[in-house]
PDB file of N, CA and C in Angstrom:
ATOM      1  N   MET A   1      14.083 -16.454 -13.240  1.00  0.00           N
ATOM      2  CA  MET A   1      12.671 -16.119 -13.220  1.00  0.00           C
ATOM      3  C   MET A   1      12.089 -16.474 -11.860  1.00  0.00           C
ATOM      4  N   GLN A   2      11.296 -15.547 -11.271  1.00  0.00           N
ATOM      5  CA  GLN A   2      10.704 -15.789  -9.975  1.00  0.00           C
ATOM      6  C   GLN A   2       9.460 -16.639 -10.103  1.00  0.00           C
ATOM      7  N   HIS A   3       9.286 -17.506  -9.119  1.00  0.00           N
ATOM      8  CA  HIS A   3       8.072 -18.305  -9.063  1.00  0.00           C
ATOM      9  C   HIS A   3       6.971 -17.467  -8.430  1.00  0.00           C
ATOM     10  N   PRO A   4       5.705 -17.672  -8.806  1.00  0.00           N
ATOM     11  CA  PRO A   4       4.611 -16.905  -8.210  1.00  0.00           C
ATOM     12  C   PRO A   4       4.586 -17.007  -6.688  1.00  0.00           C
ATOM     13  N   GLU A   5       5.016 -18.139  -6.139  1.00  0.00           N
ATOM     14  CA  GLU A   5       5.009 -18.332  -4.693  1.00  0.00           C
ATOM     15  C   GLU A   5       6.028 -17.430  -4.002  1.00  0.00           C
ATOM     16  N   ALA A   6       7.012 -16.899  -4.743  1.00  0.00           N
ATOM     17  CA  ALA A   6       8.050 -16.069  -4.142  1.00  0.00           C
ATOM     18  C   ALA A   6       7.500 -14.714  -3.711  1.00  0.00           C
ATOM     19  N   THR A   7       6.443 -14.247  -4.338  1.00  0.00           N
ATOM     20  CA  THR A   7       5.830 -12.980  -3.985  1.00  0.00           C
ATOM     21  C   THR A   7       4.561 -13.262  -3.189  1.00  0.00           C
ATOM     22  N   PRO A   8       4.552 -12.871  -1.901  1.00  0.00           N
ATOM     23  CA  PRO A   8       3.347 -13.153  -1.098  1.00  0.00           C
ATOM     24  C   PRO A   8       2.150 -12.339  -1.571  1.00  0.00           C
ATOM     25  N   LEU A   9       0.966 -12.899  -1.414  1.00  0.00           N
ATOM     26  CA  LEU A   9      -0.266 -12.204  -1.791  1.00  0.00           C
ATOM     27  C   LEU A   9      -0.574 -11.068  -0.832  1.00  0.00           C
ATOM     28  N   VAL A  10      -0.243 -11.270   0.441  1.00  0.00           N
ATOM     29  CA  VAL A  10      -0.482 -10.244   1.450  1.00  0.00           C
ATOM     30  C   VAL A  10       0.804  -9.974   2.209  1.00  0.00           C
ATOM     31  N   LEU A  11       0.938  -8.729   2.677  1.00  0.00           N
ATOM     32  CA  LEU A  11       2.161  -8.304   3.349  1.00  0.00           C
ATOM     33  C   LEU A  11       1.854  -7.814   4.753  1.00  0.00           C
ATOM     34  N   THR A  12       2.836  -7.939   5.633  1.00  0.00           N
ATOM     35  CA  THR A  12       2.726  -7.328   6.950  1.00  0.00           C
ATOM     36  C   THR A  12       2.920  -5.819   6.787  1.00  0.00           C
ATOM     37  N   ILE A  13       2.605  -5.078   7.820  1.00  0.00           N
ATOM     38  CA  ILE A  13       2.829  -3.629   7.794  1.00  0.00           C
ATOM     39  C   ILE A  13       4.304  -3.348   7.523  1.00  0.00           C
ATOM     40  N   GLU A  14       5.180  -4.088   8.169  1.00  0.00           N
ATOM     41  CA  GLU A  14       6.619  -3.889   8.010  1.00  0.00           C
ATOM     42  C   GLU A  14       7.069  -4.174   6.583  1.00  0.00           C
ATOM     43  N   GLN A  15       6.565  -5.259   6.000  1.00  0.00           N
ATOM     44  CA  GLN A  15       6.923  -5.594   4.622  1.00  0.00           C
ATOM     45  C   GLN A  15       6.421  -4.529   3.651  1.00  0.00           C
ATOM     46  N   ALA A  16       5.199  -4.049   3.869  1.00  0.00           N
ATOM     47  CA  ALA A  16       4.634  -3.015   3.010  1.00  0.00           C
ATOM     48  C   ALA A  16       5.442  -1.729   3.123  1.00  0.00           C
ATOM     49  N   ALA A  17       5.815  -1.365   4.347  1.00  0.00           N
ATOM     50  CA  ALA A  17       6.609  -0.159   4.561  1.00  0.00           C
ATOM     51  C   ALA A  17       7.938  -0.259   3.829  1.00  0.00           C
ATOM     52  N   LYS A  18       8.564  -1.412   3.912  1.00  0.00           N
ATOM     53  CA  LYS A  18       9.852  -1.610   3.250  1.00  0.00           C
ATOM     54  C   LYS A  18       9.706  -1.494   1.734  1.00  0.00           C
ATOM     55  N   ARG A  19       8.653  -2.090   1.185  1.00  0.00           N
ATOM     56  CA  ARG A  19       8.441  -2.030  -0.275  1.00  0.00           C
ATOM     57  C   ARG A  19       8.166  -0.614  -0.742  1.00  0.00           C
ATOM     58  N   LEU A  20       7.492   0.189   0.098  1.00  0.00           N
ATOM     59  CA  LEU A  20       7.197   1.574  -0.263  1.00  0.00           C
ATOM     60  C   LEU A  20       8.364   2.505   0.050  1.00  0.00           C
ATOM     61  N   GLY A  21       9.282   2.040   0.888  1.00  0.00           N
ATOM     62  CA  GLY A  21      10.412   2.876   1.270  1.00  0.00           C
ATOM     63  C   GLY A  21      10.028   3.954   2.270  1.00  0.00           C
ATOM     64  N   ILE A  22       9.035   3.652   3.106  1.00  0.00           N
ATOM     65  CA  ILE A  22       8.591   4.594   4.132  1.00  0.00           C
ATOM     66  C   ILE A  22       8.657   3.908   5.493  1.00  0.00           C
ATOM     67  N   GLY A  23       8.402   4.668   6.532  1.00  0.00           N
ATOM     68  CA  GLY A  23       8.460   4.124   7.882  1.00  0.00           C
ATOM     69  C   GLY A  23       7.224   3.335   8.255  1.00  0.00           C
ATOM     70  N   ARG A  24       7.394   2.529   9.271  1.00  0.00           N
ATOM     71  CA  ARG A  24       6.308   1.695   9.777  1.00  0.00           C
ATOM     72  C   ARG A  24       5.168   2.549  10.336  1.00  0.00           C
ATOM     73  N   THR A  25       5.513   3.623  11.048  1.00  0.00           N
ATOM     74  CA  THR A  25       4.493   4.482  11.646  1.00  0.00           C
ATOM     75  C   THR A  25       3.622   5.126  10.574  1.00  0.00           C
ATOM     76  N   LEU A  26       4.243   5.625   9.509  1.00  0.00           N
ATOM     77  CA  LEU A  26       3.484   6.225   8.413  1.00  0.00           C
ATOM     78  C   LEU A  26       2.614   5.168   7.742  1.00  0.00           C
ATOM     79  N   THR A  27       3.129   3.969   7.582  1.00  0.00           N
ATOM     80  CA  THR A  27       2.338   2.898   6.962  1.00  0.00           C
ATOM     81  C   THR A  27       1.115   2.587   7.812  1.00  0.00           C
ATOM     82  N   TYR A  28       1.293   2.501   9.138  1.00  0.00           N
ATOM     83  CA  TYR A  28       0.141   2.283  10.024  1.00  0.00           C
ATOM     84  C   TYR A  28      -0.877   3.409   9.862  1.00  0.00           C
ATOM     85  N   ALA A  29      -0.407   4.655   9.760  1.00  0.00           N
ATOM     86  CA  ALA A  29      -1.309   5.791   9.604  1.00  0.00           C
ATOM     87  C   ALA A  29      -2.077   5.714   8.290  1.00  0.00           C
ATOM     88  N   LEU A  30      -1.401   5.328   7.213  1.00  0.00           N
ATOM     89  CA  LEU A  30      -2.051   5.212   5.901  1.00  0.00           C
ATOM     90  C   LEU A  30      -3.107   4.106   5.906  1.00  0.00           C
ATOM     91  N   VAL A  31      -2.823   3.011   6.607  1.00  0.00           N
ATOM     92  CA  VAL A  31      -3.785   1.914   6.713  1.00  0.00           C
ATOM     93  C   VAL A  31      -4.970   2.359   7.578  1.00  0.00           C
ATOM     94  N   SER A  32      -4.692   3.016   8.697  1.00  0.00           N
ATOM     95  CA  SER A  32      -5.756   3.468   9.597  1.00  0.00           C
ATOM     96  C   SER A  32      -6.696   4.455   8.919  1.00  0.00           C
ATOM     97  N   SER A  33      -6.141   5.328   8.076  1.00  0.00           N
ATOM     98  CA  SER A  33      -6.953   6.335   7.394  1.00  0.00           C
ATOM     99  C   SER A  33      -7.686   5.774   6.176  1.00  0.00           C
ATOM    100  N   GLY A  34      -7.336   4.561   5.761  1.00  0.00           N
ATOM    101  CA  GLY A  34      -7.963   3.964   4.590  1.00  0.00           C
ATOM    102  C   GLY A  34      -7.268   4.304   3.286  1.00  0.00           C
ATOM    103  N   GLU A  35      -6.181   5.064   3.357  1.00  0.00           N
ATOM    104  CA  GLU A  35      -5.423   5.394   2.146  1.00  0.00           C
ATOM    105  C   GLU A  35      -4.864   4.134   1.493  1.00  0.00           C
ATOM    106  N   ILE A  36      -4.407   3.209   2.324  1.00  0.00           N
ATOM    107  CA  ILE A  36      -3.943   1.902   1.840  1.00  0.00           C
ATOM    108  C   ILE A  36      -4.914   0.867   2.379  1.00  0.00           C
ATOM    109  N   GLU A  37      -5.489   0.093   1.476  1.00  0.00           N
ATOM    110  CA  GLU A  37      -6.461  -0.931   1.856  1.00  0.00           C
ATOM    111  C   GLU A  37      -5.763  -2.076   2.571  1.00  0.00           C
ATOM    112  N   SER A  38      -6.433  -2.620   3.568  1.00  0.00           N
ATOM    113  CA  SER A  38      -5.897  -3.784   4.273  1.00  0.00           C
ATOM    114  C   SER A  38      -7.033  -4.757   4.554  1.00  0.00           C
ATOM    115  N   VAL A  39      -6.659  -5.971   4.901  1.00  0.00           N
ATOM    116  CA  VAL A  39      -7.637  -7.007   5.226  1.00  0.00           C
ATOM    117  C   VAL A  39      -7.262  -7.630   6.565  1.00  0.00           C
ATOM    118  N   GLN A  40      -8.264  -8.198   7.208  1.00  0.00           N
ATOM    119  CA  GLN A  40      -8.014  -8.903   8.453  1.00  0.00           C
ATOM    120  C   GLN A  40      -8.088 -10.394   8.173  1.00  0.00           C
ATOM    121  N   ILE A  41      -7.045 -11.097   8.578  1.00  0.00           N
ATOM    122  CA  ILE A  41      -7.003 -12.555   8.447  1.00  0.00           C
ATOM    123  C   ILE A  41      -6.870 -13.092   9.873  1.00  0.00           C
ATOM    124  N   GLY A  42      -7.976 -13.571  10.394  1.00  0.00           N
ATOM    125  CA  GLY A  42      -7.980 -13.954  11.805  1.00  0.00           C
ATOM    126  C   GLY A  42      -7.770 -12.698  12.641  1.00  0.00           C
ATOM    127  N   ARG A  43      -6.729 -12.706  13.467  1.00  0.00           N
ATOM    128  CA  ARG A  43      -6.408 -11.540  14.288  1.00  0.00           C
ATOM    129  C   ARG A  43      -5.345 -10.663  13.644  1.00  0.00           C
ATOM    130  N   LEU A  44      -4.889 -11.043  12.456  1.00  0.00           N
ATOM    131  CA  LEU A  44      -3.785 -10.336  11.801  1.00  0.00           C
ATOM    132  C   LEU A  44      -4.286  -9.322  10.784  1.00  0.00           C
ATOM    133  N   ARG A  45      -3.629  -8.195  10.699  1.00  0.00           N
ATOM    134  CA  ARG A  45      -3.921  -7.166   9.697  1.00  0.00           C
ATOM    135  C   ARG A  45      -2.874  -7.300   8.608  1.00  0.00           C
ATOM    136  N   ARG A  46      -3.311  -7.478   7.360  1.00  0.00           N
ATOM    137  CA  ARG A  46      -2.392  -7.640   6.241  1.00  0.00           C
ATOM    138  C   ARG A  46      -2.794  -6.718   5.100  1.00  0.00           C
ATOM    139  N   ILE A  47      -1.815  -6.389   4.265  1.00  0.00           N
ATOM    140  CA  ILE A  47      -2.036  -5.516   3.118  1.00  0.00           C
ATOM    141  C   ILE A  47      -1.859  -6.341   1.847  1.00  0.00           C
ATOM    142  N   PRO A  48      -2.930  -6.476   1.043  1.00  0.00           N
ATOM    143  CA  PRO A  48      -2.764  -7.177  -0.229  1.00  0.00           C
ATOM    144  C   PRO A  48      -1.719  -6.458  -1.087  1.00  0.00           C
ATOM    145  N   ALA A  49      -0.821  -7.214  -1.700  1.00  0.00           N
ATOM    146  CA  ALA A  49       0.294  -6.634  -2.455  1.00  0.00           C
ATOM    147  C   ALA A  49      -0.192  -5.671  -3.532  1.00  0.00           C
ATOM    148  N   GLU A  50      -1.292  -5.983  -4.209  1.00  0.00           N
ATOM    149  CA  GLU A  50      -1.762  -5.111  -5.283  1.00  0.00           C
ATOM    150  C   GLU A  50      -2.274  -3.775  -4.751  1.00  0.00           C
ATOM    151  N   CYS A  51      -2.625  -3.711  -3.471  1.00  0.00           N
ATOM    152  CA  CYS A  51      -3.097  -2.448  -2.892  1.00  0.00           C
ATOM    153  C   CYS A  51      -1.974  -1.419  -2.798  1.00  0.00           C
ATOM    154  N   LEU A  52      -0.738  -1.873  -2.699  1.00  0.00           N
ATOM    155  CA  LEU A  52       0.382  -0.933  -2.700  1.00  0.00           C
ATOM    156  C   LEU A  52       0.505  -0.265  -4.065  1.00  0.00           C
ATOM    157  N   ALA A  53       0.386  -1.054  -5.120  1.00  0.00           N
ATOM    158  CA  ALA A  53       0.449  -0.495  -6.478  1.00  0.00           C
ATOM    159  C   ALA A  53      -0.724   0.456  -6.715  1.00  0.00           C
ATOM    160  N   GLU A  54      -1.909   0.104  -6.229  1.00  0.00           N
ATOM    161  CA  GLU A  54      -3.074   0.977  -6.384  1.00  0.00           C
ATOM    162  C   GLU A  54      -2.842   2.307  -5.666  1.00  0.00           C
ATOM    163  N   TYR A  55      -2.273   2.263  -4.469  1.00  0.00           N
ATOM    164  CA  TYR A  55      -1.979   3.473  -3.700  1.00  0.00           C
ATOM    165  C   TYR A  55      -0.997   4.367  -4.453  1.00  0.00           C
ATOM    166  N   VAL A  56       0.076   3.776  -4.964  1.00  0.00           N
ATOM    167  CA  VAL A  56       1.082   4.552  -5.691  1.00  0.00           C
ATOM    168  C   VAL A  56       0.478   5.126  -6.979  1.00  0.00           C
ATOM    169  N   ASN A  57      -0.316   4.344  -7.686  1.00  0.00           N
ATOM    170  CA  ASN A  57      -0.961   4.845  -8.906  1.00  0.00           C
ATOM    171  C   ASN A  57      -1.902   6.005  -8.607  1.00  0.00           C
ATOM    172  N   ARG A  58      -2.624   5.921  -7.488  1.00  0.00           N
ATOM    173  CA  ARG A  58      -3.509   7.003  -7.088  1.00  0.00           C
ATOM    174  C   ARG A  58      -2.710   8.275  -6.793  1.00  0.00           C
ATOM    175  N   LEU A  59      -1.576   8.136  -6.124  1.00  0.00           N
ATOM    176  CA  LEU A  59      -0.708   9.286  -5.863  1.00  0.00           C
ATOM    177  C   LEU A  59      -0.197   9.894  -7.162  1.00  0.00           C
ATOM    178  N   ARG A  60       0.165   9.038  -8.102  1.00  0.00           N
ATOM    179  CA  ARG A  60       0.662   9.524  -9.391  1.00  0.00           C
ATOM    180  C   ARG A  60      -0.412  10.299 -10.132  1.00  0.00           C
ATOM    181  N   ARG A  61      -1.641   9.787 -10.124  1.00  0.00           N
ATOM    182  CA  ARG A  61      -2.743  10.485 -10.793  1.00  0.00           C
ATOM    183  C   ARG A  61      -2.996  11.840 -10.135  1.00  0.00           C
ATOM    184  N   GLN A  62      -2.955  11.898  -8.814  1.00  0.00           N
ATOM    185  CA  GLN A  62      -3.175  13.156  -8.098  1.00  0.00           C
ATOM    186  C   GLN A  62      -2.091  14.167  -8.433  1.00  0.00           C
ATOM    187  N   ASN A  63      -0.863  13.708  -8.585  1.00  0.00           N
ATOM    188  CA  ASN A  63       0.261  14.605  -8.860  1.00  0.00           C
ATOM    189  C   ASN A  63       0.306  15.076 -10.309  1.00  0.00           C
ATOM    190  N   THR A  64      -0.372  14.367 -11.203  1.00  0.00           N
ATOM    191  CA  THR A  64      -0.322  14.754 -12.620  1.00  0.00           C
ATOM    192  C   THR A  64      -1.548  15.573 -13.037  1.00  0.00           C
ATOM    193  N   GLN A  65      -2.537  15.675 -12.157  1.00  0.00           N
ATOM    194  CA  GLN A  65      -3.716  16.473 -12.502  1.00  0.00           C
ATOM    195  C   GLN A  65      -3.358  17.948 -12.439  1.00  0.00           C
ATOM    196  N   LEU A  66      -3.752  18.661 -13.463  1.00  0.00           N
ATOM    197  CA  LEU A  66      -3.497  20.099 -13.500  1.00  0.00           C
ATOM    198  C   LEU A  66      -4.495  20.825 -12.610  1.00  0.00           C
ATOM    199  N   PRO A  67      -4.041  21.837 -11.898  1.00  0.00           N
ATOM    200  CA  PRO A  67      -4.986  22.611 -11.069  1.00  0.00           C
ATOM    201  C   PRO A  67      -5.984  23.336 -11.963  1.00  0.00           C
ATOM    202  N   THR A  68      -7.225  23.399 -11.498  1.00  0.00           N
ATOM    203  CA  THR A  68      -8.260  24.080 -12.275  1.00  0.00           C
ATOM    204  C   THR A  68      -8.279  25.560 -11.921  1.00  0.00           C
ATOM    205  N   ALA A  69      -8.627  26.367 -12.889  1.00  0.00           N
ATOM    206  CA  ALA A  69      -8.712  27.823 -12.655  1.00  0.00           C
ATOM    207  C   ALA A  69      -9.945  28.128 -11.825  1.00  0.00           C
ATOM    208  N   ALA A  70      -9.784  28.989 -10.841  1.00  0.00           N
ATOM    209  CA  ALA A  70     -10.914  29.310  -9.947  1.00  0.00           C
ATOM    210  C   ALA A  70     -11.702  30.496 -10.478  1.00  0.00           C
TER     211      ALA A  70
END
Protein backbone atom coordinates (compact mmCIF):
# COMPACT_ATOMS: atom_id res chain seq x y z
CA MET A 1 0.00 0.00 0.00
CA GLN A 2 1.33 3.44 -0.95
CA HIS A 3 1.69 6.14 1.64
CA PRO A 4 0.02 9.49 0.84
CA GLU A 5 3.47 11.11 0.88
CA ALA A 6 4.53 8.89 -2.05
CA THR A 7 2.28 10.82 -4.44
CA PRO A 8 3.27 14.49 -4.69
CA LEU A 9 0.52 17.10 -4.53
CA VAL A 10 2.09 19.08 -7.36
CA LEU A 11 4.11 17.94 -10.36
CA THR A 12 6.74 19.48 -12.58
CA ILE A 13 5.95 19.86 -16.27
CA GLU A 14 8.15 16.83 -16.95
CA GLN A 15 6.42 14.69 -14.32
CA ALA A 16 2.99 15.69 -15.64
CA ALA A 17 4.03 14.91 -19.21
CA LYS A 18 5.27 11.49 -18.16
CA ARG A 19 2.03 10.70 -16.29
CA LEU A 20 -0.04 11.74 -19.32
CA GLY A 21 2.25 9.92 -21.74
CA ILE A 22 2.81 13.02 -23.86
CA GLY A 23 5.78 15.22 -24.65
CA ARG A 24 7.10 18.06 -22.59
CA THR A 25 6.48 20.61 -25.36
CA LEU A 26 2.80 19.64 -25.65
CA THR A 27 2.45 19.79 -21.86
CA TYR A 28 3.90 23.32 -21.83
CA ALA A 29 1.44 24.29 -24.58
CA LEU A 30 -1.53 22.85 -22.65
CA VAL A 31 -0.47 24.74 -19.52
CA SER A 32 0.10 27.98 -21.47
CA SER A 33 -3.34 27.75 -23.09
CA GLY A 34 -5.04 27.03 -19.76
CA GLU A 35 -6.18 23.56 -20.81
CA ILE A 36 -4.25 22.16 -17.84
CA GLU A 37 -4.39 24.27 -14.69
CA SER A 38 -1.11 25.15 -13.01
CA VAL A 39 0.02 27.13 -9.99
CA GLN A 40 3.04 29.24 -9.25
CA ILE A 41 5.02 28.40 -6.13
CA GLY A 42 7.63 31.08 -5.75
CA ARG A 43 9.36 31.15 -9.14
CA LEU A 44 8.32 27.59 -10.00
CA ARG A 45 5.38 26.53 -12.17
CA ARG A 46 3.72 23.33 -10.92
CA ILE A 47 0.67 21.30 -11.90
CA PRO A 48 -1.58 20.04 -9.10
CA ALA A 49 -1.93 16.26 -9.53
CA GLU A 50 -5.74 16.40 -9.52
CA CYS A 51 -5.67 18.83 -12.46
CA LEU A 52 -4.36 16.05 -14.69
CA ALA A 53 -7.38 13.89 -13.84
CA GLU A 54 -9.69 16.86 -14.44
CA TYR A 55 -8.09 17.45 -17.87
CA VAL A 56 -8.48 13.79 -18.87
CA ASN A 57 -12.09 13.70 -17.61
CA ARG A 58 -12.87 16.83 -19.63
CA LEU A 59 -11.42 15.18 -22.75
CA ARG A 60 -13.51 12.08 -22.10
CA ARG A 61 -16.69 14.12 -21.75
CA GLN A 62 -15.94 15.98 -25.00
CA ASN A 63 -15.35 12.70 -26.84
CA THR A 64 -18.56 11.09 -25.59
CA GLN A 65 -20.89 13.97 -26.45
CA LEU A 66 -23.00 13.23 -29.48
CA PRO A 67 -22.92 15.82 -32.26
CA THR A 68 -26.09 17.87 -32.48
CA ALA A 69 -28.11 18.03 -35.68
CA ALA A 70 -27.77 21.36 -37.46
